[in-house]
Amino acid sequence: MNHSVPIEAFLVPGKLAHLVGIGGVSMCPLAEVLARMGLRVQGSDMSESPTVERLRGLGIPVTVGHNAENLGRCDFVIRTAAARDSNPEIAGAIARGIPVYERAEGWGAIMRRYANALCVSGTHGKTTTTSMCTHIFMAAEKDPTVMLGGTLPMLHAGYRVGGGDTIILESCEYRDSFHYFFPTVAVILNVEADHLDYFRDIAQIRRSFRHFAELVPPEGCVVANAANANTMEALEGLDRRIFTFGPEGADCVAANRTANSGAPEFDILIHDKPYAHVRLRVYGEHNVMNALAAASAAYVLGLPGQAVEQGLDAFTGAGRRFQYKGSYHGAEIYDDYAHHPDELHALLDSVQNLGYERIVVAFQPHTYSRTIKLFDRFAEELRRTDAAVLAEIYAAREENTFGISSADLCREVPGAVYCPTLEDTANRLAEMARPGDLILTVGAGDIYRAGEALAERGE
């Protein structure tokens, strides 16, 4: 942003890197990987956290709070996507002529050191599919390096630093950040309208994914969802190997499907030949598609079907993906990260046949721009619930210049209740809960706290 020198010039032993927002979900593993490469690493974050403590335990100094003095004598700066130019450390670095790089640039440079860079993209399902891939590659004893956008129970974290020749990364399209990556295998799960605070329209989003696919080298492969029209349109005419999954006629399909206690069980066929027999421990058609995507990536990278079977058999879900939180007054409480109408639709589809008497959803919209631009679709999905509680919108990186509130959404959902605070949300759920209910706390913000507070009350 303030330089013409590629970040690779600084990724050498002895250089001092300063990471702004070092405690973040993809910044913390970046710091650890850089330290393992022999760089000296320091950083800052807004607050104390388990990740900050972990980094300190590894000998990486972390300052709480942002101040230009924290830069010290660093050689270069890497910033989290949330750190704007007005951040005192970013502004200080620019004033001193210290090169500042985006987080994605750091990961992009690092992945070039691996023979296999498996990058999982898509509007929905990235974290789950990246987690499935991690389980599969761990089962195959490939010792991968992993970067997730959530917590994977097997790792007790959102990342791992391995010694193998494969790196697996969740790859987000927001602000075109995945354009800094160098995938050898690029997975595209789906392409839908989202992040409309950055993208102008679906056409621009398709172009962004097209550019991501074009980053794959000629000897690499693009794994694509043949059932998603936008994905296939984005890839039309691409001069790369495309390996498809999904519907009949795709390279990788699910056959002989049954349900095992409600969870899908099926054969995975590749080019009409048996590859693996899978028993999922997660629900929903969307997770069948996620499993096919992960199996496709494993296949094109030469893994045996047995690794797919073992990996998926051990996968019980990523953190905040239909995650059990406890119970209250005979109601079971689960949390899910769904923050787009398509994700909410898939979640409600996956739970409707699980035998609960009522589906009670406490939904916290994520960002004002997403709420207002997808307003009607959110209302449509929430009307499918038996009872809806609307927590106030989680602002994330935005200010409410739209004049929108969850109260507006509440008025479009018959019987819905608006709660301005999470405490109000937990109290309302406690009043509503009854035996046989499934209570879902849903959203990408901190709505999970309401479910946890309810579960802590006990029976």
Protein backbone atom coordinates (compact mmCIF):
# COMPACT_ATOMS: atom_id res chain seq x y z
CA MET A 1 0.00 0.00 0.00
CA ASN A 2 2.95 2.38 0.62
CA HIS A 3 5.71 0.49 -1.17
CA SER A 4 6.69 -1.37 -4.31
CA VAL A 5 8.73 -4.10 -2.63
CA PRO A 6 7.04 -7.54 -2.52
CA ILE A 7 6.58 -8.96 0.95
CA GLU A 8 8.79 -11.95 0.06
CA ALA A 9 11.81 -9.65 0.41
CA PHE A 10 11.11 -9.39 4.15
CA LEU A 11 10.27 -13.03 4.85
CA VAL A 12 13.84 -13.95 5.78
CA PRO A 13 15.33 -14.95 9.14
CA GLY A 14 16.21 -12.06 11.41
CA LYS A 15 13.75 -9.52 10.01
CA LEU A 16 11.42 -7.96 12.59
CA ALA A 17 7.72 -8.15 11.71
CA HIS A 18 5.08 -6.13 13.55
CA LEU A 19 1.53 -7.52 13.28
CA VAL A 20 -1.37 -5.15 13.92
CA GLY A 21 -4.27 -7.17 15.32
CA ILE A 22 -2.00 -10.11 16.09
CA GLY A 23 -4.63 -11.89 18.21
CA GLY A 24 -7.04 -12.31 15.29
CA VAL A 25 -8.19 -15.65 13.95
CA SER A 26 -5.82 -15.64 10.98
CA MET A 27 -3.19 -13.25 12.37
CA CYS A 28 -2.20 -15.46 15.31
CA PRO A 29 -1.25 -18.45 13.13
CA LEU A 30 0.50 -16.09 10.73
CA ALA A 31 2.63 -14.84 13.62
CA GLU A 32 3.51 -18.40 14.62
CA VAL A 33 4.41 -19.43 11.07
CA LEU A 34 6.63 -16.37 10.63
CA ALA A 35 8.39 -17.13 13.91
CA ARG A 36 9.01 -20.71 12.78
CA MET A 37 10.56 -19.31 9.61
CA GLY A 38 13.16 -17.54 11.75
CA LEU A 39 11.73 -14.04 11.73
CA ARG A 40 11.47 -11.97 14.87
CA VAL A 41 7.80 -11.25 15.51
CA GLN A 42 5.97 -8.75 17.69
CA GLY A 43 2.50 -7.27 17.60
CA SER A 44 -0.44 -5.51 19.17
CA ASP A 45 -4.12 -6.18 19.73
CA MET A 46 -7.08 -4.35 21.21
CA SER A 47 -7.54 -6.70 24.16
CA GLU A 48 -6.19 -9.66 26.06
CA SER A 49 -7.28 -13.06 24.76
CA PRO A 50 -6.27 -16.72 24.82
CA THR A 51 -4.52 -16.26 21.48
CA VAL A 52 -2.53 -13.33 22.83
CA GLU A 53 -1.49 -15.44 25.82
CA ARG A 54 -0.52 -18.29 23.50
CA LEU A 55 1.73 -16.00 21.47
CA ARG A 56 3.39 -14.65 24.57
CA GLY A 57 4.00 -18.22 25.67
CA LEU A 58 5.87 -18.75 22.41
CA GLY A 59 8.08 -15.77 23.17
CA ILE A 60 6.27 -13.34 20.88
CA PRO A 61 5.75 -9.97 22.63
CA VAL A 62 2.23 -8.54 22.34
CA THR A 63 1.11 -5.09 23.44
CA VAL A 64 -2.54 -4.42 24.27
CA GLY A 65 -3.69 -1.19 22.62
CA HIS A 66 -2.53 0.50 19.42
CA ASN A 67 0.16 3.14 19.56
CA ALA A 68 2.78 4.21 17.02
CA GLU A 69 5.47 3.64 19.64
CA ASN A 70 4.66 -0.09 19.54
CA LEU A 71 6.36 -0.30 16.14
CA GLY A 72 9.80 0.02 17.67
CA ARG A 73 12.49 -0.81 15.12
CA CYS A 74 10.39 -3.18 13.03
CA ASP A 75 11.33 -3.81 9.41
CA PHE A 76 7.77 -4.19 8.11
CA VAL A 77 4.14 -4.28 9.23
CA ILE A 78 1.34 -6.74 8.48
CA ARG A 79 -2.15 -5.57 9.31
CA THR A 80 -5.45 -7.32 9.88
CA ALA A 81 -8.23 -6.42 7.45
CA ALA A 82 -10.00 -4.53 10.25
CA ALA A 83 -7.09 -2.08 10.73
CA ARG A 84 -7.69 1.04 8.67
CA ASP A 85 -5.22 3.71 7.60
CA SER A 86 -6.30 5.82 10.60
CA ASN A 87 -4.97 3.18 13.03
CA PRO A 88 -2.07 4.92 14.86
CA GLU A 89 0.34 2.09 14.09
CA ILE A 90 -0.54 2.04 10.41
CA ALA A 91 -0.33 5.81 10.19
CA GLY A 92 2.94 5.75 12.12
CA ALA A 93 4.45 3.16 9.82
CA ILE A 94 3.45 5.12 6.73
CA ALA A 95 4.93 8.30 8.18
CA ARG A 96 8.23 6.52 8.88
CA GLY A 97 8.34 4.77 5.51
CA ILE A 98 7.97 1.29 7.02
CA PRO A 99 6.31 -1.01 4.45
CA VAL A 100 2.77 -2.08 5.37
CA TYR A 101 1.27 -5.28 3.96
CA GLU A 102 -2.15 -6.87 4.09
CA ARG A 103 -2.63 -10.10 6.07
CA ALA A 104 -3.57 -11.94 2.87
CA GLU A 105 -0.27 -10.92 1.27
CA GLY A 106 1.56 -12.62 4.11
CA TRP A 107 -0.39 -15.85 3.74
CA GLY A 108 -0.03 -15.70 -0.04
CA ALA A 109 3.75 -15.49 0.20
CA ILE A 110 3.88 -18.30 2.74
CA MET A 111 1.77 -20.71 0.72
CA ARG A 112 4.23 -20.47 -2.17
CA ARG A 113 6.64 -22.45 0.03
CA TYR A 114 4.30 -25.47 -0.02
CA ALA A 115 4.00 -27.99 -2.83
CA ASN A 116 0.23 -28.13 -2.29
CA ALA A 117 -1.83 -25.06 -1.44
CA LEU A 118 -5.48 -26.05 -0.99
CA CYS A 119 -7.60 -22.90 -0.83
CA VAL A 120 -11.29 -23.27 0.02
CA SER A 121 -13.53 -20.42 -1.13
CA GLY A 122 -17.24 -19.74 -1.49
CA THR A 123 -19.97 -17.53 -0.11
CA HIS A 124 -21.04 -20.27 2.32
CA GLY A 125 -19.49 -23.36 3.82
CA LYS A 126 -15.84 -22.33 3.82
CA THR A 127 -15.08 -23.06 7.46
CA THR A 128 -16.89 -26.41 7.51
CA THR A 129 -15.31 -27.60 4.27
CA THR A 130 -11.83 -26.43 5.29
CA SER A 131 -12.35 -28.30 8.57
CA MET A 132 -13.41 -31.44 6.70
CA CYS A 133 -10.30 -31.17 4.52
CA THR A 134 -8.19 -30.82 7.65
CA HIS A 135 -9.66 -34.00 9.14
CA ILE A 136 -9.06 -35.87 5.89
CA PHE A 137 -5.46 -34.75 5.50
CA MET A 138 -4.76 -35.49 9.16
CA ALA A 139 -6.22 -38.98 8.69
CA ALA A 140 -3.87 -39.40 5.72
CA GLU A 141 -0.96 -38.37 8.01
CA LYS A 142 0.00 -35.49 5.72
CA ASP A 143 0.78 -33.19 8.69
CA PRO A 144 -0.78 -30.10 7.03
CA THR A 145 -0.51 -26.47 8.01
CA VAL A 146 -4.05 -25.11 8.43
CA MET A 147 -5.71 -21.70 8.71
CA LEU A 148 -9.44 -21.60 9.48
CA GLY A 149 -12.00 -18.88 10.04
CA GLY A 150 -13.29 -20.65 13.14
CA THR A 151 -12.35 -23.12 15.82
CA LEU A 152 -11.95 -26.81 15.00
CA PRO A 153 -12.41 -28.99 18.10
CA MET A 154 -9.78 -31.48 16.93
CA LEU A 155 -7.19 -28.69 16.89
CA HIS A 156 -8.54 -26.81 19.93
CA ALA A 157 -7.84 -23.76 17.76
CA GLY A 158 -8.47 -22.30 14.34
CA TYR A 159 -5.11 -23.29 12.95
CA ARG A 160 -2.17 -25.64 13.13
CA VAL A 161 1.42 -25.39 11.96
CA GLY A 162 2.51 -28.66 10.39
CA GLY A 163 5.65 -30.02 8.81
CA GLY A 164 4.14 -31.53 5.67
CA ASP A 165 4.04 -30.26 2.11
CA THR A 166 0.39 -29.14 2.20
CA ILE A 167 -1.21 -25.94 3.45
CA ILE A 168 -5.01 -25.69 3.74
CA LEU A 169 -6.54 -22.24 3.95
CA GLU A 170 -10.03 -20.84 4.21
CA SER A 171 -10.04 -18.21 1.49
CA CYS A 172 -12.38 -15.23 1.79
CA GLU A 173 -13.51 -13.09 -1.11
CA TYR A 174 -14.17 -9.98 1.01
CA ARG A 175 -12.22 -7.04 -0.42
CA ASP A 176 -10.76 -9.52 -2.95
CA SER A 177 -8.35 -10.72 -0.28
CA PHE A 178 -8.00 -14.18 -1.83
CA HIS A 179 -6.46 -12.56 -4.91
CA TYR A 180 -3.20 -12.44 -2.94
CA PHE A 181 -3.17 -16.25 -2.70
CA PHE A 182 -1.34 -18.82 -4.83
CA PRO A 183 -3.59 -21.90 -4.81
CA THR A 184 -2.55 -25.11 -6.49
CA VAL A 185 -6.08 -26.40 -5.83
CA ALA A 186 -8.87 -23.83 -5.58
CA VAL A 187 -12.23 -25.00 -4.25
CA ILE A 188 -15.28 -22.88 -5.11
CA LEU A 189 -18.26 -24.02 -3.05
CA ASN A 190 -20.76 -21.44 -4.32
CA VAL A 191 -20.95 -17.86 -5.54
CA GLU A 192 -23.82 -15.73 -4.19
CA ALA A 193 -24.54 -12.11 -3.38
CA ASP A 194 -22.79 -11.11 -0.15
CA HIS A 195 -20.36 -8.46 1.14
CA LEU A 196 -22.38 -5.89 -0.76
CA ASP A 197 -20.68 -3.14 1.24
CA TYR A 198 -17.68 -3.87 -1.01
CA PHE A 199 -18.97 -5.61 -4.13
CA ARG A 200 -21.29 -3.68 -6.44
CA ASP A 201 -23.36 -6.66 -7.59
CA ILE A 202 -23.30 -10.39 -8.31
CA ALA A 203 -21.52 -9.81 -11.62
CA GLN A 204 -18.58 -8.23 -9.81
CA ILE A 205 -18.57 -11.10 -7.33
CA ARG A 206 -18.43 -13.62 -10.18
CA ARG A 207 -15.49 -11.73 -11.67
CA SER A 208 -13.70 -11.84 -8.33
CA PHE A 209 -14.07 -15.63 -8.11
CA ARG A 210 -13.01 -15.95 -11.75
CA HIS A 211 -9.78 -14.11 -10.98
CA PHE A 212 -9.21 -16.36 -7.97
CA ALA A 213 -9.59 -19.44 -10.20
CA GLU A 214 -7.15 -17.95 -12.73
CA LEU A 215 -4.48 -17.90 -10.01
CA VAL A 216 -4.30 -21.70 -10.17
CA PRO A 217 -1.25 -22.79 -12.21
CA PRO A 218 -1.72 -24.82 -15.41
CA GLU A 219 -0.85 -28.03 -13.58
CA GLY A 220 -3.28 -27.25 -10.76
CA CYS A 221 -7.03 -27.79 -10.46
CA VAL A 222 -10.23 -25.88 -9.71
CA VAL A 223 -12.80 -27.89 -7.72
CA ALA A 224 -16.24 -26.47 -8.48
CA ASN A 225 -19.85 -26.95 -7.42
CA ALA A 226 -21.64 -27.96 -10.62
CA ALA A 227 -25.02 -27.27 -8.97
CA ASN A 228 -24.28 -23.58 -8.47
CA ALA A 229 -25.07 -21.55 -11.57
CA ASN A 230 -22.96 -18.54 -10.59
CA THR A 231 -19.93 -20.73 -9.97
CA MET A 232 -20.16 -22.39 -13.36
CA GLU A 233 -20.79 -19.06 -15.09
CA ALA A 234 -17.73 -17.59 -13.39
CA LEU A 235 -15.60 -20.49 -14.67
CA GLU A 236 -16.95 -20.59 -18.22
CA GLY A 237 -14.09 -20.92 -20.71
CA LEU A 238 -11.43 -21.16 -17.99
CA ASP A 239 -8.21 -22.72 -19.31
CA ARG A 240 -7.57 -24.75 -16.16
CA ARG A 241 -8.53 -28.27 -15.16
CA ILE A 242 -11.98 -28.13 -13.57
CA PHE A 243 -13.14 -30.99 -11.36
CA THR A 244 -16.83 -30.79 -10.49
CA PHE A 245 -18.89 -32.13 -7.61
CA GLY A 246 -22.60 -32.24 -6.85
CA PRO A 247 -25.39 -33.33 -9.16
CA GLU A 248 -25.61 -36.32 -11.46
CA GLY A 249 -23.09 -35.92 -14.25
CA ALA A 250 -20.48 -34.22 -12.06
CA ASP A 251 -17.05 -35.81 -11.55
CA CYS A 252 -17.80 -36.48 -7.87
CA VAL A 253 -21.30 -37.43 -6.70
CA ALA A 254 -23.12 -38.94 -3.72
CA ALA A 255 -24.92 -42.25 -4.41
CA ASN A 256 -26.94 -44.83 -2.48
CA ARG A 257 -27.94 -42.28 0.12
CA THR A 258 -29.53 -43.24 3.42
CA ALA A 259 -29.90 -41.57 6.82
CA ASN A 260 -28.02 -42.77 9.89
CA SER A 261 -29.91 -41.38 12.91
CA GLY A 262 -30.80 -38.42 10.76
CA ALA A 263 -27.27 -37.83 9.50
CA PRO A 264 -26.45 -38.60 5.85
CA GLU A 265 -24.69 -41.80 4.81
CA PHE A 266 -23.69 -42.37 1.18
CA ASP A 267 -21.14 -43.63 -1.32
CA ILE A 268 -18.84 -41.15 -3.02
CA LEU A 269 -18.40 -41.99 -6.68
CA ILE A 270 -15.72 -40.40 -8.80
CA HIS A 271 -16.13 -40.82 -12.53
CA ASP A 272 -18.82 -43.41 -11.67
CA LYS A 273 -16.37 -45.53 -9.67
CA PRO A 274 -16.49 -46.05 -5.85
CA TYR A 275 -14.05 -43.84 -3.96
CA ALA A 276 -15.31 -43.79 -0.37
CA HIS A 277 -18.28 -44.71 1.82
CA VAL A 278 -19.11 -41.85 4.17
CA ARG A 279 -21.11 -41.61 7.37
CA LEU A 280 -21.45 -37.96 8.32
CA ARG A 281 -21.95 -36.78 11.88
CA VAL A 282 -23.33 -33.44 10.74
CA TYR A 283 -26.73 -32.80 9.22
CA GLY A 284 -28.19 -31.22 6.13
CA GLU A 285 -27.90 -31.30 2.37
CA HIS A 286 -25.39 -28.46 2.52
CA ASN A 287 -23.03 -30.69 4.49
CA VAL A 288 -23.34 -33.44 1.88
CA MET A 289 -22.13 -30.88 -0.65
CA ASN A 290 -19.35 -29.74 1.67
CA ALA A 291 -18.24 -33.36 2.09
CA LEU A 292 -18.22 -33.88 -1.69
CA ALA A 293 -16.07 -30.75 -2.09
CA ALA A 294 -13.60 -31.97 0.54
CA ALA A 295 -13.48 -35.44 -0.99
CA SER A 296 -12.90 -33.93 -4.45
CA ALA A 297 -9.97 -31.90 -3.15
CA ALA A 298 -8.53 -35.00 -1.50
CA TYR A 299 -8.90 -36.98 -4.71
CA VAL A 300 -7.20 -34.46 -6.99
CA LEU A 301 -4.32 -34.28 -4.49
CA GLY A 302 -3.89 -38.05 -4.58
CA LEU A 303 -5.32 -39.10 -1.21
CA PRO A 304 -6.96 -42.52 -0.87
CA GLY A 305 -10.66 -42.91 -0.21
CA GLN A 306 -9.89 -44.49 3.15
CA ALA A 307 -8.56 -41.14 4.42
CA VAL A 308 -11.82 -39.50 3.36
CA GLU A 309 -13.82 -42.14 5.23
CA GLN A 310 -11.74 -41.85 8.40
CA GLY A 311 -11.50 -38.07 8.31
CA LEU A 312 -15.20 -37.43 7.80
CA ASP A 313 -16.18 -40.10 10.32
CA ALA A 314 -14.26 -38.16 12.97
CA PHE A 315 -15.67 -34.77 11.97
CA THR A 316 -18.41 -33.55 14.30
CA GLY A 317 -18.54 -29.96 13.11
CA ALA A 318 -16.52 -26.78 13.34
CA GLY A 319 -16.96 -24.34 16.18
CA ARG A 320 -20.18 -22.31 15.90
CA ARG A 321 -21.58 -24.66 13.25
CA PHE A 322 -24.65 -26.25 14.87
CA GLN A 323 -22.64 -26.46 18.09
CA TYR A 324 -24.34 -27.86 21.18
CA LYS A 325 -24.30 -25.42 24.08
CA GLY A 326 -26.48 -27.11 26.72
CA SER A 327 -30.11 -27.22 27.79
CA TYR A 328 -32.63 -25.19 29.74
CA HIS A 329 -36.08 -26.24 30.95
CA GLY A 330 -36.07 -29.28 28.67
CA ALA A 331 -35.04 -27.29 25.58
CA GLU A 332 -31.77 -28.04 23.79
CA ILE A 333 -29.58 -25.06 22.88
CA TYR A 334 -27.39 -24.96 19.77
CA ASP A 335 -25.39 -22.17 18.19
CA ASP A 336 -24.72 -21.55 14.49
CA TYR A 337 -22.70 -18.97 12.57
CA ALA A 338 -25.25 -18.54 9.75
CA HIS A 339 -25.33 -14.86 8.80
CA HIS A 340 -26.63 -14.92 5.22
CA PRO A 341 -30.16 -15.92 4.09
CA ASP A 342 -28.80 -18.93 2.18
CA GLU A 343 -27.02 -20.16 5.31
CA LEU A 344 -30.11 -19.59 7.44
CA HIS A 345 -32.16 -21.51 4.87
CA ALA A 346 -29.73 -24.45 4.93
CA LEU A 347 -29.70 -24.47 8.75
CA LEU A 348 -33.50 -24.54 9.02
CA ASP A 349 -33.70 -27.25 6.37
CA SER A 350 -31.21 -29.38 8.30
CA VAL A 351 -33.08 -29.22 11.63
CA GLN A 352 -36.71 -29.45 10.55
CA ASN A 353 -36.81 -33.26 10.60
CA LEU A 354 -34.87 -33.84 13.82
CA GLY A 355 -38.00 -34.40 15.88
CA TYR A 356 -38.20 -31.19 17.90
CA GLU A 357 -41.63 -29.81 18.75
CA ARG A 358 -40.63 -26.21 18.05
CA ILE A 359 -37.72 -24.45 16.36
CA VAL A 360 -36.98 -21.25 18.27
CA VAL A 361 -34.43 -18.97 16.59
CA ALA A 362 -32.64 -16.07 18.26
CA PHE A 363 -31.11 -14.24 15.31
CA GLN A 364 -28.57 -11.44 15.37
CA PRO A 365 -28.08 -9.84 11.94
CA HIS A 366 -24.45 -9.16 11.04
CA THR A 367 -23.64 -5.67 9.69
CA TYR A 368 -26.09 -2.97 8.71
CA SER A 369 -25.27 -3.16 4.99
CA ARG A 370 -25.97 -6.90 4.77
CA THR A 371 -29.21 -6.52 6.73
CA ILE A 372 -30.66 -3.77 4.57
CA LYS A 373 -29.58 -5.25 1.22
CA LEU A 374 -30.86 -8.75 2.05
CA PHE A 375 -33.73 -7.59 4.26
CA ASP A 376 -36.61 -9.33 2.46
CA ARG A 377 -34.77 -12.63 2.25
CA PHE A 378 -33.93 -12.59 5.97
CA ALA A 379 -37.58 -11.94 6.77
CA GLU A 380 -38.64 -14.78 4.48
CA GLU A 381 -36.39 -17.28 6.26
CA LEU A 382 -37.30 -16.11 9.76
CA ARG A 383 -40.98 -16.61 8.97
CA ARG A 384 -40.20 -20.34 8.66
CA THR A 385 -39.43 -20.60 12.39
CA ASP A 386 -41.94 -21.48 15.11
CA ALA A 387 -40.74 -18.53 17.19
CA ALA A 388 -38.21 -15.80 16.42
CA VAL A 389 -36.27 -13.48 18.72
CA LEU A 390 -34.38 -10.65 17.03
CA ALA A 391 -31.29 -9.31 18.76
CA GLU A 392 -29.96 -5.94 17.67
CA ILE A 393 -27.69 -5.85 14.61
CA TYR A 394 -24.02 -6.63 15.24
CA ALA A 395 -22.15 -3.68 13.75
CA ALA A 396 -18.76 -5.37 13.19
CA ARG A 397 -16.74 -2.95 11.03
CA GLU A 398 -19.63 -0.59 10.22
CA GLU A 399 -21.46 2.45 11.53
CA ASN A 400 -25.25 2.64 11.17
CA THR A 401 -25.45 5.14 8.35
CA PHE A 402 -28.47 3.21 7.00
CA GLY A 403 -30.81 3.88 9.94
CA ILE A 404 -31.66 0.17 10.11
CA SER A 405 -32.49 -1.87 13.21
CA SER A 406 -33.49 -5.44 13.99
CA ALA A 407 -36.77 -3.90 15.16
CA ASP A 408 -37.51 -3.20 11.47
CA LEU A 409 -36.94 -6.85 10.62
CA CYS A 410 -39.02 -7.93 13.59
CA ARG A 411 -42.07 -6.14 12.21
CA GLU A 412 -41.92 -8.30 9.08
CA VAL A 413 -41.96 -11.61 11.02
CA PRO A 414 -45.33 -12.41 12.67
CA GLY A 415 -44.97 -13.07 16.38
CA ALA A 416 -41.28 -12.14 16.47
CA VAL A 417 -39.84 -10.34 19.50
CA TYR A 418 -37.19 -7.61 19.38
CA CYS A 419 -34.51 -7.54 22.11
CA PRO A 420 -32.13 -4.56 22.20
CA THR A 421 -29.48 -6.34 24.31
CA LEU A 422 -28.13 -9.87 24.66
CA GLU A 423 -29.27 -9.91 28.28
CA ASP A 424 -32.80 -9.18 27.09
CA THR A 425 -32.41 -11.95 24.50
CA ALA A 426 -31.36 -14.54 27.09
CA ASN A 427 -34.21 -13.51 29.40
CA ARG A 428 -36.75 -13.77 26.63
CA LEU A 429 -35.50 -17.20 25.60
CA ALA A 430 -35.77 -18.33 29.23
CA GLU A 431 -39.41 -17.23 29.30
CA MET A 432 -40.17 -19.04 26.06
CA ALA A 433 -38.27 -22.30 26.58
CA ARG A 434 -40.23 -25.49 27.05
CA PRO A 435 -39.50 -29.22 26.78
CA GLY A 436 -39.11 -30.41 23.20
CA ASP A 437 -37.79 -27.07 21.89
CA LEU A 438 -34.68 -26.60 19.79
CA ILE A 439 -33.30 -23.16 20.61
CA LEU A 440 -30.88 -21.84 18.01
CA THR A 441 -28.72 -18.78 18.55
CA VAL A 442 -27.77 -17.68 15.05
CA GLY A 443 -25.39 -15.08 13.64
CA ALA A 444 -21.74 -14.20 13.09
CA GLY A 445 -21.49 -11.76 16.00
CA ASP A 446 -21.73 -12.49 19.73
CA ILE A 447 -25.27 -13.93 19.85
CA TYR A 448 -23.76 -17.19 21.15
CA ARG A 449 -23.35 -15.44 24.49
CA ALA A 450 -27.13 -15.38 24.91
CA GLY A 451 -27.33 -19.15 24.44
CA GLU A 452 -24.42 -19.74 26.79
CA ALA A 453 -26.01 -17.51 29.42
CA LEU A 454 -29.24 -19.47 29.11
CA ALA A 455 -27.45 -22.82 29.42
CA GLU A 456 -25.59 -21.61 32.52
CA ARG A 457 -28.92 -21.14 34.30
CA GLY A 458 -29.33 -24.94 34.31
CA GLU A 459 -32.71 -26.61 34.44
